[in-house]
Every structure is written in structure tokens, then in C-alpha cells.
Amino acid sequence: MNLSSYLDAERKKHGWSMNELGRRAGVSGAQVANVIGERSDPGLDFCLAVARALNVDPVYLLRLAGHLPPAPGDTADPILSECWRILSQLTDDERTVVVRMLRGLVEGKG
């Protein structure tokens, strides 16, 4: 996934036009349209503003835009990426507990 497809999917998910996403981010609708249409590269300020508007981790958007390298565990799925980020902040013992909980959820489905 790249920033263009992510932004287009998010704005549709929220029921926003490109102008509305721009308004909420404090950028022009034309800027949003140009980034989504891949006619211009998103700058750092654009990414930070849109991250605030979407209430998402700005690092994730900066990585999608190519301003930061991929992090270990980065995937096309933002939920899995966030899980990796959270797990990396836990102690070894805490990670072990989380893995046991996840295994229990998976085994309970079978």
C-alpha cells in the first residue's frame, strides 16, 4: 500500500470528499487530490497535517510517503503495523503474555 491508496481509502471510509479531508487537515483539497492522484509528492508538513486529521500515527503516514524507511514488522495492514509497534515497547515477559492470549484466541476458534 502507498500513501495515495491509503488516503483515498480512508477518506472514503469516513465519507469525506477530498476537499473535506483537506479542510480537516488544514491543506487545500487540490493538494489532497494531487497526492491521491500521484501528481505530486506529499511533503512532511502535508503528512503530519493529514495524520492529525485522520487521527493516525504520523510515523505510519511518513513511512507510506517514503519519508522514513520501513520499520521491522511493517505490513500493508496498519493494524498489524501498530501491533508490532506496541509489542516492541513491551518487556519480554509482557510479550509472552500477549502471545499466549493470541494463541488462546486462535485455538478457541477451532
PDB file of N, CA and C in Angstrom:
ATOM      1  N   MET A   1       0.851  -1.176   0.000  1.00  0.00           N
ATOM      2  CA  MET A   1       0.000   0.000   0.000  1.00  0.00           C
ATOM      3  C   MET A   1       0.893   1.234   0.000  1.00  0.00           C
ATOM      4  N   ASN A   2       0.470   2.244  -0.740  1.00  0.00           N
ATOM      5  CA  ASN A   2       1.188   3.509  -0.702  1.00  0.00           C
ATOM      6  C   ASN A   2       0.290   4.587  -0.096  1.00  0.00           C
ATOM      7  N   LEU A   3       0.842   5.773   0.078  1.00  0.00           N
ATOM      8  CA  LEU A   3       0.081   6.844   0.721  1.00  0.00           C
ATOM      9  C   LEU A   3      -1.154   7.209  -0.088  1.00  0.00           C
ATOM     10  N   SER A   4      -1.028   7.238  -1.388  1.00  0.00           N
ATOM     11  CA  SER A   4      -2.140   7.601  -2.245  1.00  0.00           C
ATOM     12  C   SER A   4      -3.352   6.691  -2.022  1.00  0.00           C
ATOM     13  N   SER A   5      -3.136   5.391  -2.106  1.00  0.00           N
ATOM     14  CA  SER A   5      -4.261   4.456  -1.940  1.00  0.00           C
ATOM     15  C   SER A   5      -4.782   4.468  -0.503  1.00  0.00           C
ATOM     16  N   TYR A   6      -3.874   4.647   0.473  1.00  0.00           N
ATOM     17  CA  TYR A   6      -4.309   4.698   1.866  1.00  0.00           C
ATOM     18  C   TYR A   6      -5.214   5.904   2.099  1.00  0.00           C
ATOM     19  N   LEU A   7      -4.789   7.084   1.627  1.00  0.00           N
ATOM     20  CA  LEU A   7      -5.592   8.295   1.835  1.00  0.00           C
ATOM     21  C   LEU A   7      -6.942   8.193   1.139  1.00  0.00           C
ATOM     22  N   ASP A   8      -6.943   7.652  -0.065  1.00  0.00           N
ATOM     23  CA  ASP A   8      -8.207   7.525  -0.781  1.00  0.00           C
ATOM     24  C   ASP A   8      -9.158   6.587  -0.040  1.00  0.00           C
ATOM     25  N   ALA A   9      -8.638   5.473   0.452  1.00  0.00           N
ATOM     26  CA  ALA A   9      -9.477   4.530   1.199  1.00  0.00           C
ATOM     27  C   ALA A   9      -9.978   5.148   2.504  1.00  0.00           C
ATOM     28  N   GLU A  10      -9.111   5.874   3.208  1.00  0.00           N
ATOM     29  CA  GLU A  10      -9.510   6.475   4.483  1.00  0.00           C
ATOM     30  C   GLU A  10     -10.567   7.552   4.294  1.00  0.00           C
ATOM     31  N   ARG A  11     -10.388   8.401   3.296  1.00  0.00           N
ATOM     32  CA  ARG A  11     -11.378   9.467   3.110  1.00  0.00           C
ATOM     33  C   ARG A  11     -12.732   8.872   2.727  1.00  0.00           C
ATOM     34  N   LYS A  12     -12.721   7.804   1.928  1.00  0.00           N
ATOM     35  CA  LYS A  12     -13.977   7.142   1.567  1.00  0.00           C
ATOM     36  C   LYS A  12     -14.604   6.477   2.784  1.00  0.00           C
ATOM     37  N   LYS A  13     -13.772   5.864   3.609  1.00  0.00           N
ATOM     38  CA  LYS A  13     -14.267   5.208   4.822  1.00  0.00           C
ATOM     39  C   LYS A  13     -14.988   6.210   5.729  1.00  0.00           C
ATOM     40  N   HIS A  14     -14.456   7.433   5.797  1.00  0.00           N
ATOM     41  CA  HIS A  14     -15.058   8.482   6.628  1.00  0.00           C
ATOM     42  C   HIS A  14     -16.205   9.209   5.912  1.00  0.00           C
ATOM     43  N   GLY A  15     -16.373   8.930   4.619  1.00  0.00           N
ATOM     44  CA  GLY A  15     -17.410   9.613   3.852  1.00  0.00           C
ATOM     45  C   GLY A  15     -17.033  11.044   3.510  1.00  0.00           C
ATOM     46  N   TRP A  16     -15.736  11.306   3.386  1.00  0.00           N
ATOM     47  CA  TRP A  16     -15.247  12.660   3.119  1.00  0.00           C
ATOM     48  C   TRP A  16     -14.861  12.813   1.657  1.00  0.00           C
ATOM     49  N   SER A  17     -15.094  13.996   1.147  1.00  0.00           N
ATOM     50  CA  SER A  17     -14.558  14.354  -0.165  1.00  0.00           C
ATOM     51  C   SER A  17     -13.085  14.716   0.018  1.00  0.00           C
ATOM     52  N   MET A  18     -12.402  14.912  -1.081  1.00  0.00           N
ATOM     53  CA  MET A  18     -11.005  15.351  -0.992  1.00  0.00           C
ATOM     54  C   MET A  18     -10.933  16.738  -0.356  1.00  0.00           C
ATOM     55  N   ASN A  19     -11.911  17.576  -0.681  1.00  0.00           N
ATOM     56  CA  ASN A  19     -11.952  18.916  -0.076  1.00  0.00           C
ATOM     57  C   ASN A  19     -12.164  18.838   1.434  1.00  0.00           C
ATOM     58  N   GLU A  20     -13.008  17.912   1.867  1.00  0.00           N
ATOM     59  CA  GLU A  20     -13.267  17.776   3.301  1.00  0.00           C
ATOM     60  C   GLU A  20     -12.029  17.273   4.033  1.00  0.00           C
ATOM     61  N   LEU A  21     -11.335  16.304   3.472  1.00  0.00           N
ATOM     62  CA  LEU A  21     -10.096  15.847   4.085  1.00  0.00           C
ATOM     63  C   LEU A  21      -9.102  16.999   4.150  1.00  0.00           C
ATOM     64  N   GLY A  22      -9.003  17.763   3.079  1.00  0.00           N
ATOM     65  CA  GLY A  22      -8.120  18.925   3.078  1.00  0.00           C
ATOM     66  C   GLY A  22      -8.501  19.932   4.141  1.00  0.00           C
ATOM     67  N   ARG A  23      -9.794  20.218   4.266  1.00  0.00           N
ATOM     68  CA  ARG A  23     -10.259  21.173   5.272  1.00  0.00           C
ATOM     69  C   ARG A  23      -9.882  20.718   6.670  1.00  0.00           C
ATOM     70  N   ARG A  24     -10.117  19.446   6.955  1.00  0.00           N
ATOM     71  CA  ARG A  24      -9.818  18.906   8.278  1.00  0.00           C
ATOM     72  C   ARG A  24      -8.314  18.893   8.559  1.00  0.00           C
ATOM     73  N   ALA A  25      -7.517  18.757   7.504  1.00  0.00           N
ATOM     74  CA  ALA A  25      -6.064  18.723   7.666  1.00  0.00           C
ATOM     75  C   ALA A  25      -5.445  20.119   7.603  1.00  0.00           C
ATOM     76  N   GLY A  26      -6.215  21.099   7.150  1.00  0.00           N
ATOM     77  CA  GLY A  26      -5.667  22.448   7.006  1.00  0.00           C
ATOM     78  C   GLY A  26      -4.825  22.608   5.753  1.00  0.00           C
ATOM     79  N   VAL A  27      -5.122  21.792   4.741  1.00  0.00           N
ATOM     80  CA  VAL A  27      -4.453  21.904   3.447  1.00  0.00           C
ATOM     81  C   VAL A  27      -5.552  22.040   2.392  1.00  0.00           C
ATOM     82  N   SER A  28      -5.175  22.352   1.179  1.00  0.00           N
ATOM     83  CA  SER A  28      -6.192  22.525   0.148  1.00  0.00           C
ATOM     84  C   SER A  28      -6.688  21.169  -0.367  1.00  0.00           C
ATOM     85  N   GLY A  29      -7.916  21.176  -0.825  1.00  0.00           N
ATOM     86  CA  GLY A  29      -8.463  19.987  -1.457  1.00  0.00           C
ATOM     87  C   GLY A  29      -7.665  19.609  -2.692  1.00  0.00           C
ATOM     88  N   ALA A  30      -7.118  20.632  -3.367  1.00  0.00           N
ATOM     89  CA  ALA A  30      -6.296  20.368  -4.550  1.00  0.00           C
ATOM     90  C   ALA A  30      -5.022  19.612  -4.172  1.00  0.00           C
ATOM     91  N   GLN A  31      -4.427  19.956  -3.016  1.00  0.00           N
ATOM     92  CA  GLN A  31      -3.244  19.225  -2.564  1.00  0.00           C
ATOM     93  C   GLN A  31      -3.587  17.762  -2.318  1.00  0.00           C
ATOM     94  N   VAL A  32      -4.711  17.531  -1.659  1.00  0.00           N
ATOM     95  CA  VAL A  32      -5.147  16.162  -1.384  1.00  0.00           C
ATOM     96  C   VAL A  32      -5.353  15.418  -2.703  1.00  0.00           C
ATOM     97  N   ALA A  33      -6.057  16.065  -3.638  1.00  0.00           N
ATOM     98  CA  ALA A  33      -6.323  15.436  -4.935  1.00  0.00           C
ATOM     99  C   ALA A  33      -5.023  15.128  -5.676  1.00  0.00           C
ATOM    100  N   ASN A  34      -4.059  16.025  -5.604  1.00  0.00           N
ATOM    101  CA  ASN A  34      -2.790  15.800  -6.303  1.00  0.00           C
ATOM    102  C   ASN A  34      -1.988  14.659  -5.684  1.00  0.00           C
ATOM    103  N   VAL A  35      -2.044  14.524  -4.362  1.00  0.00           N
ATOM    104  CA  VAL A  35      -1.339  13.419  -3.710  1.00  0.00           C
ATOM    105  C   VAL A  35      -2.048  12.095  -4.011  1.00  0.00           C
ATOM    106  N   ILE A  36      -3.364  12.086  -3.889  1.00  0.00           N
ATOM    107  CA  ILE A  36      -4.118  10.863  -4.165  1.00  0.00           C
ATOM    108  C   ILE A  36      -3.971  10.459  -5.628  1.00  0.00           C
ATOM    109  N   GLY A  37      -3.952  11.438  -6.517  1.00  0.00           N
ATOM    110  CA  GLY A  37      -3.785  11.162  -7.937  1.00  0.00           C
ATOM    111  C   GLY A  37      -2.334  10.949  -8.348  1.00  0.00           C
ATOM    112  N   GLU A  38      -1.432  10.996  -7.377  1.00  0.00           N
ATOM    113  CA  GLU A  38       0.004  10.791  -7.577  1.00  0.00           C
ATOM    114  C   GLU A  38       0.593  11.776  -8.580  1.00  0.00           C
ATOM    115  N   ARG A  39       0.043  13.012  -8.567  1.00  0.00           N
ATOM    116  CA  ARG A  39       0.575  14.070  -9.411  1.00  0.00           C
ATOM    117  C   ARG A  39       1.591  14.938  -8.668  1.00  0.00           C
ATOM    118  N   SER A  40       1.634  14.777  -7.341  1.00  0.00           N
ATOM    119  CA  SER A  40       2.643  15.488  -6.556  1.00  0.00           C
ATOM    120  C   SER A  40       3.032  14.634  -5.360  1.00  0.00           C
ATOM    121  N   ASP A  41       4.257  14.835  -4.928  1.00  0.00           N
ATOM    122  CA  ASP A  41       4.753  14.101  -3.766  1.00  0.00           C
ATOM    123  C   ASP A  41       4.339  14.834  -2.497  1.00  0.00           C
ATOM    124  N   PRO A  42       3.876  14.090  -1.512  1.00  0.00           N
ATOM    125  CA  PRO A  42       3.471  14.727  -0.260  1.00  0.00           C
ATOM    126  C   PRO A  42       4.695  15.151   0.547  1.00  0.00           C
ATOM    127  N   GLY A  43       4.671  16.343   1.024  1.00  0.00           N
ATOM    128  CA  GLY A  43       5.749  16.824   1.874  1.00  0.00           C
ATOM    129  C   GLY A  43       5.534  16.394   3.319  1.00  0.00           C
ATOM    130  N   LEU A  44       6.525  16.666   4.130  1.00  0.00           N
ATOM    131  CA  LEU A  44       6.467  16.325   5.549  1.00  0.00           C
ATOM    132  C   LEU A  44       5.281  17.002   6.230  1.00  0.00           C
ATOM    133  N   ASP A  45       5.112  18.309   5.993  1.00  0.00           N
ATOM    134  CA  ASP A  45       4.007  19.041   6.623  1.00  0.00           C
ATOM    135  C   ASP A  45       2.650  18.486   6.206  1.00  0.00           C
ATOM    136  N   PHE A  46       2.518  18.120   4.946  1.00  0.00           N
ATOM    137  CA  PHE A  46       1.274  17.530   4.455  1.00  0.00           C
ATOM    138  C   PHE A  46       0.973  16.243   5.217  1.00  0.00           C
ATOM    139  N   CYS A  47       1.971  15.377   5.322  1.00  0.00           N
ATOM    140  CA  CYS A  47       1.775  14.089   6.004  1.00  0.00           C
ATOM    141  C   CYS A  47       1.383  14.284   7.464  1.00  0.00           C
ATOM    142  N   LEU A  48       2.043  15.205   8.139  1.00  0.00           N
ATOM    143  CA  LEU A  48       1.728  15.449   9.553  1.00  0.00           C
ATOM    144  C   LEU A  48       0.322  16.006   9.711  1.00  0.00           C
ATOM    145  N   ALA A  49      -0.078  16.915   8.831  1.00  0.00           N
ATOM    146  CA  ALA A  49      -1.414  17.513   8.910  1.00  0.00           C
ATOM    147  C   ALA A  49      -2.497  16.468   8.651  1.00  0.00           C
ATOM    148  N   VAL A  50      -2.290  15.634   7.657  1.00  0.00           N
ATOM    149  CA  VAL A  50      -3.281  14.603   7.330  1.00  0.00           C
ATOM    150  C   VAL A  50      -3.340  13.550   8.433  1.00  0.00           C
ATOM    151  N   ALA A  51      -2.204  13.227   9.017  1.00  0.00           N
ATOM    152  CA  ALA A  51      -2.204  12.262  10.127  1.00  0.00           C
ATOM    153  C   ALA A  51      -3.052  12.785  11.286  1.00  0.00           C
ATOM    154  N   ARG A  52      -2.923  14.070  11.583  1.00  0.00           N
ATOM    155  CA  ARG A  52      -3.761  14.662  12.656  1.00  0.00           C
ATOM    156  C   ARG A  52      -5.235  14.587  12.286  1.00  0.00           C
ATOM    157  N   ALA A  53      -5.550  14.903  11.037  1.00  0.00           N
ATOM    158  CA  ALA A  53      -6.949  14.895  10.598  1.00  0.00           C
ATOM    159  C   ALA A  53      -7.553  13.496  10.664  1.00  0.00           C
ATOM    160  N   LEU A  54      -6.742  12.491  10.352  1.00  0.00           N
ATOM    161  CA  LEU A  54      -7.226  11.104  10.361  1.00  0.00           C
ATOM    162  C   LEU A  54      -7.042  10.426  11.719  1.00  0.00           C
ATOM    163  N   ASN A  55      -6.374  11.134  12.628  1.00  0.00           N
ATOM    164  CA  ASN A  55      -6.098  10.592  13.966  1.00  0.00           C
ATOM    165  C   ASN A  55      -5.343   9.266  13.872  1.00  0.00           C
ATOM    166  N   VAL A  56      -4.275   9.265  13.067  1.00  0.00           N
ATOM    167  CA  VAL A  56      -3.420   8.091  12.922  1.00  0.00           C
ATOM    168  C   VAL A  56      -1.988   8.469  13.273  1.00  0.00           C
ATOM    169  N   ASP A  57      -1.190   7.468  13.528  1.00  0.00           N
ATOM    170  CA  ASP A  57       0.213   7.665  13.856  1.00  0.00           C
ATOM    171  C   ASP A  57       0.913   8.335  12.673  1.00  0.00           C
ATOM    172  N   PRO A  58       1.478   9.532  12.868  1.00  0.00           N
ATOM    173  CA  PRO A  58       2.137  10.209  11.751  1.00  0.00           C
ATOM    174  C   PRO A  58       3.313   9.421  11.187  1.00  0.00           C
ATOM    175  N   VAL A  59       3.967   8.619  12.008  1.00  0.00           N
ATOM    176  CA  VAL A  59       5.091   7.815  11.519  1.00  0.00           C
ATOM    177  C   VAL A  59       4.609   6.851  10.443  1.00  0.00           C
ATOM    178  N   TYR A  60       3.426   6.296  10.617  1.00  0.00           N
ATOM    179  CA  TYR A  60       2.878   5.381   9.621  1.00  0.00           C
ATOM    180  C   TYR A  60       2.721   6.087   8.276  1.00  0.00           C
ATOM    181  N   LEU A  61       2.156   7.307   8.291  1.00  0.00           N
ATOM    182  CA  LEU A  61       1.982   8.047   7.038  1.00  0.00           C
ATOM    183  C   LEU A  61       3.323   8.451   6.440  1.00  0.00           C
ATOM    184  N   LEU A  62       4.261   8.829   7.285  1.00  0.00           N
ATOM    185  CA  LEU A  62       5.585   9.208   6.786  1.00  0.00           C
ATOM    186  C   LEU A  62       6.274   8.018   6.119  1.00  0.00           C
ATOM    187  N   ARG A  63       6.055   6.832   6.651  1.00  0.00           N
ATOM    188  CA  ARG A  63       6.613   5.630   6.028  1.00  0.00           C
ATOM    189  C   ARG A  63       5.919   5.348   4.691  1.00  0.00           C
ATOM    190  N   LEU A  64       4.595   5.474   4.653  1.00  0.00           N
ATOM    191  CA  LEU A  64       3.862   5.257   3.400  1.00  0.00           C
ATOM    192  C   LEU A  64       4.301   6.244   2.322  1.00  0.00           C
ATOM    193  N   ALA A  65       4.628   7.469   2.741  1.00  0.00           N
ATOM    194  CA  ALA A  65       5.036   8.508   1.790  1.00  0.00           C
ATOM    195  C   ALA A  65       6.490   8.360   1.366  1.00  0.00           C
ATOM    196  N   GLY A  66       7.235   7.483   2.032  1.00  0.00           N
ATOM    197  CA  GLY A  66       8.631   7.280   1.682  1.00  0.00           C
ATOM    198  C   GLY A  66       9.594   8.218   2.387  1.00  0.00           C
ATOM    199  N   HIS A  67       9.093   8.974   3.370  1.00  0.00           N
ATOM    200  CA  HIS A  67       9.970   9.883   4.121  1.00  0.00           C
ATOM    201  C   HIS A  67      10.783   9.147   5.178  1.00  0.00           C
ATOM    202  N   LEU A  68      10.308   7.982   5.578  1.00  0.00           N
ATOM    203  CA  LEU A  68      11.004   7.148   6.555  1.00  0.00           C
ATOM    204  C   LEU A  68      11.109   5.734   5.995  1.00  0.00           C
ATOM    205  N   PRO A  69      12.161   5.015   6.354  1.00  0.00           N
ATOM    206  CA  PRO A  69      12.273   3.628   5.881  1.00  0.00           C
ATOM    207  C   PRO A  69      11.256   2.745   6.588  1.00  0.00           C
ATOM    208  N   PRO A  70      10.938   1.610   5.998  1.00  0.00           N
ATOM    209  CA  PRO A  70      10.020   0.680   6.666  1.00  0.00           C
ATOM    210  C   PRO A  70      10.587   0.238   8.010  1.00  0.00           C
ATOM    211  N   ALA A  71       9.708   0.061   8.955  1.00  0.00           N
ATOM    212  CA  ALA A  71      10.111  -0.429  10.276  1.00  0.00           C
ATOM    213  C   ALA A  71      10.012  -1.948  10.287  1.00  0.00           C
ATOM    214  N   PRO A  72      10.744  -2.588  11.188  1.00  0.00           N
ATOM    215  CA  PRO A  72      10.587  -4.040  11.307  1.00  0.00           C
ATOM    216  C   PRO A  72       9.112  -4.364  11.579  1.00  0.00           C
ATOM    217  N   GLY A  73       8.596  -5.326  10.876  1.00  0.00           N
ATOM    218  CA  GLY A  73       7.205  -5.716  11.076  1.00  0.00           C
ATOM    219  C   GLY A  73       6.209  -4.892  10.291  1.00  0.00           C
ATOM    220  N   ASP A  74       6.684  -3.891   9.520  1.00  0.00           N
ATOM    221  CA  ASP A  74       5.757  -3.108   8.713  1.00  0.00           C
ATOM    222  C   ASP A  74       5.056  -4.008   7.707  1.00  0.00           C
ATOM    223  N   THR A  75       3.778  -3.836   7.603  1.00  0.00           N
ATOM    224  CA  THR A  75       2.988  -4.582   6.638  1.00  0.00           C
ATOM    225  C   THR A  75       2.060  -3.608   5.941  1.00  0.00           C
ATOM    226  N   ALA A  76       1.345  -4.078   4.976  1.00  0.00           N
ATOM    227  CA  ALA A  76       0.344  -3.246   4.309  1.00  0.00           C
ATOM    228  C   ALA A  76      -0.860  -3.023   5.214  1.00  0.00           C
ATOM    229  N   ASP A  77      -0.954  -3.782   6.283  1.00  0.00           N
ATOM    230  CA  ASP A  77      -2.084  -3.680   7.209  1.00  0.00           C
ATOM    231  C   ASP A  77      -1.705  -2.772   8.372  1.00  0.00           C
ATOM    232  N   PRO A  78      -2.349  -1.604   8.501  1.00  0.00           N
ATOM    233  CA  PRO A  78      -1.991  -0.686   9.576  1.00  0.00           C
ATOM    234  C   PRO A  78      -2.213  -1.256  10.972  1.00  0.00           C
ATOM    235  N   ILE A  79      -3.156  -2.166  11.120  1.00  0.00           N
ATOM    236  CA  ILE A  79      -3.404  -2.762  12.443  1.00  0.00           C
ATOM    237  C   ILE A  79      -2.232  -3.653  12.836  1.00  0.00           C
ATOM    238  N   LEU A  80      -1.753  -4.468  11.895  1.00  0.00           N
ATOM    239  CA  LEU A  80      -0.598  -5.311  12.197  1.00  0.00           C
ATOM    240  C   LEU A  80       0.647  -4.472  12.476  1.00  0.00           C
ATOM    241  N   SER A  81       0.804  -3.388  11.737  1.00  0.00           N
ATOM    242  CA  SER A  81       1.944  -2.498  11.983  1.00  0.00           C
ATOM    243  C   SER A  81       1.870  -1.892  13.378  1.00  0.00           C
ATOM    244  N   GLU A  82       0.674  -1.479  13.783  1.00  0.00           N
ATOM    245  CA  GLU A  82       0.527  -0.910  15.120  1.00  0.00           C
ATOM    246  C   GLU A  82       0.771  -1.966  16.187  1.00  0.00           C
ATOM    247  N   CYS A  83       0.296  -3.186  15.964  1.00  0.00           N
ATOM    248  CA  CYS A  83       0.553  -4.270  16.926  1.00  0.00           C
ATOM    249  C   CYS A  83       2.051  -4.483  17.101  1.00  0.00           C
ATOM    250  N   TRP A  84       2.783  -4.502  15.998  1.00  0.00           N
ATOM    251  CA  TRP A  84       4.237  -4.669  16.066  1.00  0.00           C
ATOM    252  C   TRP A  84       4.861  -3.537  16.881  1.00  0.00           C
ATOM    253  N   ARG A  85       4.409  -2.298  16.607  1.00  0.00           N
ATOM    254  CA  ARG A  85       4.947  -1.137  17.322  1.00  0.00           C
ATOM    255  C   ARG A  85       4.680  -1.256  18.823  1.00  0.00           C
ATOM    256  N   ILE A  86       3.486  -1.664  19.185  1.00  0.00           N
ATOM    257  CA  ILE A  86       3.129  -1.794  20.599  1.00  0.00           C
ATOM    258  C   ILE A  86       3.917  -2.923  21.244  1.00  0.00           C
ATOM    259  N   LEU A  87       3.975  -4.079  20.578  1.00  0.00           N
ATOM    260  CA  LEU A  87       4.723  -5.213  21.126  1.00  0.00           C
ATOM    261  C   LEU A  87       6.190  -4.860  21.364  1.00  0.00           C
ATOM    262  N   SER A  88       6.756  -4.053  20.472  1.00  0.00           N
ATOM    263  CA  SER A  88       8.174  -3.705  20.610  1.00  0.00           C
ATOM    264  C   SER A  88       8.438  -2.837  21.837  1.00  0.00           C
ATOM    265  N   GLN A  89       7.394  -2.262  22.411  1.00  0.00           N
ATOM    266  CA  GLN A  89       7.540  -1.418  23.599  1.00  0.00           C
ATOM    267  C   GLN A  89       7.368  -2.197  24.900  1.00  0.00           C
ATOM    268  N   LEU A  90       6.963  -3.462  24.797  1.00  0.00           N
ATOM    269  CA  LEU A  90       6.715  -4.283  25.982  1.00  0.00           C
ATOM    270  C   LEU A  90       7.977  -5.022  26.404  1.00  0.00           C
ATOM    271  N   THR A  91       7.979  -5.451  27.647  1.00  0.00           N
ATOM    272  CA  THR A  91       9.078  -6.285  28.130  1.00  0.00           C
ATOM    273  C   THR A  91       8.911  -7.692  27.554  1.00  0.00           C
ATOM    274  N   ASP A  92       9.943  -8.512  27.672  1.00  0.00           N
ATOM    275  CA  ASP A  92       9.855  -9.899  27.189  1.00  0.00           C
ATOM    276  C   ASP A  92       8.718 -10.646  27.870  1.00  0.00           C
ATOM    277  N   ASP A  93       8.579 -10.467  29.183  1.00  0.00           N
ATOM    278  CA  ASP A  93       7.509 -11.154  29.917  1.00  0.00           C
ATOM    279  C   ASP A  93       6.135 -10.693  29.435  1.00  0.00           C
ATOM    280  N   GLU A  94       5.980  -9.405  29.201  1.00  0.00           N
ATOM    281  CA  GLU A  94       4.689  -8.890  28.732  1.00  0.00           C
ATOM    282  C   GLU A  94       4.367  -9.406  27.331  1.00  0.00           C
ATOM    283  N   ARG A  95       5.378  -9.489  26.469  1.00  0.00           N
ATOM    284  CA  ARG A  95       5.163 -10.029  25.119  1.00  0.00           C
ATOM    285  C   ARG A  95       4.737 -11.495  25.191  1.00  0.00           C
ATOM    286  N   THR A  96       5.336 -12.250  26.115  1.00  0.00           N
ATOM    287  CA  THR A  96       4.968 -13.653  26.286  1.00  0.00           C
ATOM    288  C   THR A  96       3.497 -13.783  26.668  1.00  0.00           C
ATOM    289  N   VAL A  97       3.028 -12.917  27.545  1.00  0.00           N
ATOM    290  CA  VAL A  97       1.616 -12.937  27.953  1.00  0.00           C
ATOM    291  C   VAL A  97       0.718 -12.634  26.760  1.00  0.00           C
ATOM    292  N   VAL A  98       1.084 -11.626  25.970  1.00  0.00           N
ATOM    293  CA  VAL A  98       0.270 -11.260  24.808  1.00  0.00           C
ATOM    294  C   VAL A  98       0.213 -12.402  23.804  1.00  0.00           C
ATOM    295  N   VAL A  99       1.338 -13.047  23.558  1.00  0.00           N
ATOM    296  CA  VAL A  99       1.369 -14.176  22.614  1.00  0.00           C
ATOM    297  C   VAL A  99       0.487 -15.312  23.120  1.00  0.00           C
ATOM    298  N   ARG A 100       0.534 -15.594  24.416  1.00  0.00           N
ATOM    299  CA  ARG A 100      -0.346 -16.643  24.978  1.00  0.00           C
ATOM    300  C   ARG A 100      -1.819 -16.283  24.780  1.00  0.00           C
ATOM    301  N   MET A 101      -2.146 -15.014  24.988  1.00  0.00           N
ATOM    302  CA  MET A 101      -3.528 -14.563  24.800  1.00  0.00           C
ATOM    303  C   MET A 101      -3.959 -14.744  23.343  1.00  0.00           C
ATOM    304  N   LEU A 102      -3.094 -14.383  22.413  1.00  0.00           N
ATOM    305  CA  LEU A 102      -3.399 -14.517  20.989  1.00  0.00           C
ATOM    306  C   LEU A 102      -3.575 -15.981  20.606  1.00  0.00           C
ATOM    307  N   ARG A 103      -2.689 -16.830  21.122  1.00  0.00           N
ATOM    308  CA  ARG A 103      -2.827 -18.272  20.847  1.00  0.00           C
ATOM    309  C   ARG A 103      -4.158 -18.806  21.367  1.00  0.00           C
ATOM    310  N   GLY A 104      -4.549 -18.355  22.552  1.00  0.00           N
ATOM    311  CA  GLY A 104      -5.826 -18.778  23.121  1.00  0.00           C
ATOM    312  C   GLY A 104      -6.991 -18.356  22.244  1.00  0.00           C
ATOM    313  N   LEU A 105      -6.927 -17.142  21.691  1.00  0.00           N
ATOM    314  CA  LEU A 105      -7.993 -16.685  20.804  1.00  0.00           C
ATOM    315  C   LEU A 105      -8.064 -17.543  19.539  1.00  0.00           C
ATOM    316  N   VAL A 106      -6.921 -17.835  18.965  1.00  0.00           N
ATOM    317  CA  VAL A 106      -6.883 -18.635  17.745  1.00  0.00           C
ATOM    318  C   VAL A 106      -7.350 -20.060  18.016  1.00  0.00           C
ATOM    319  N   GLU A 107      -6.869 -20.653  19.092  1.00  0.00           N
ATOM    320  CA  GLU A 107      -7.248 -22.041  19.418  1.00  0.00           C
ATOM    321  C   GLU A 107      -8.712 -22.142  19.778  1.00  0.00           C
ATOM    322  N   GLY A 108      -9.277 -21.089  20.329  1.00  0.00           N
ATOM    323  CA  GLY A 108     -10.696 -21.085  20.674  1.00  0.00           C
ATOM    324  C   GLY A 108     -11.617 -21.083  19.470  1.00  0.00           C
ATOM    325  N   LYS A 109     -11.087 -20.710  18.307  1.00  0.00           N
ATOM    326  CA  LYS A 109     -11.878 -20.695  17.079  1.00  0.00           C
ATOM    327  C   LYS A 109     -11.984 -22.078  16.444  1.00  0.00           C
ATOM    328  N   GLY A 110     -11.055 -22.950  16.801  1.00  0.00           N
ATOM    329  CA  GLY A 110     -11.003 -24.264  16.152  1.00  0.00           C
ATOM    330  C   GLY A 110     -11.921 -25.204  16.734  1.00  0.00           C
TER     331      GLY A 110
END
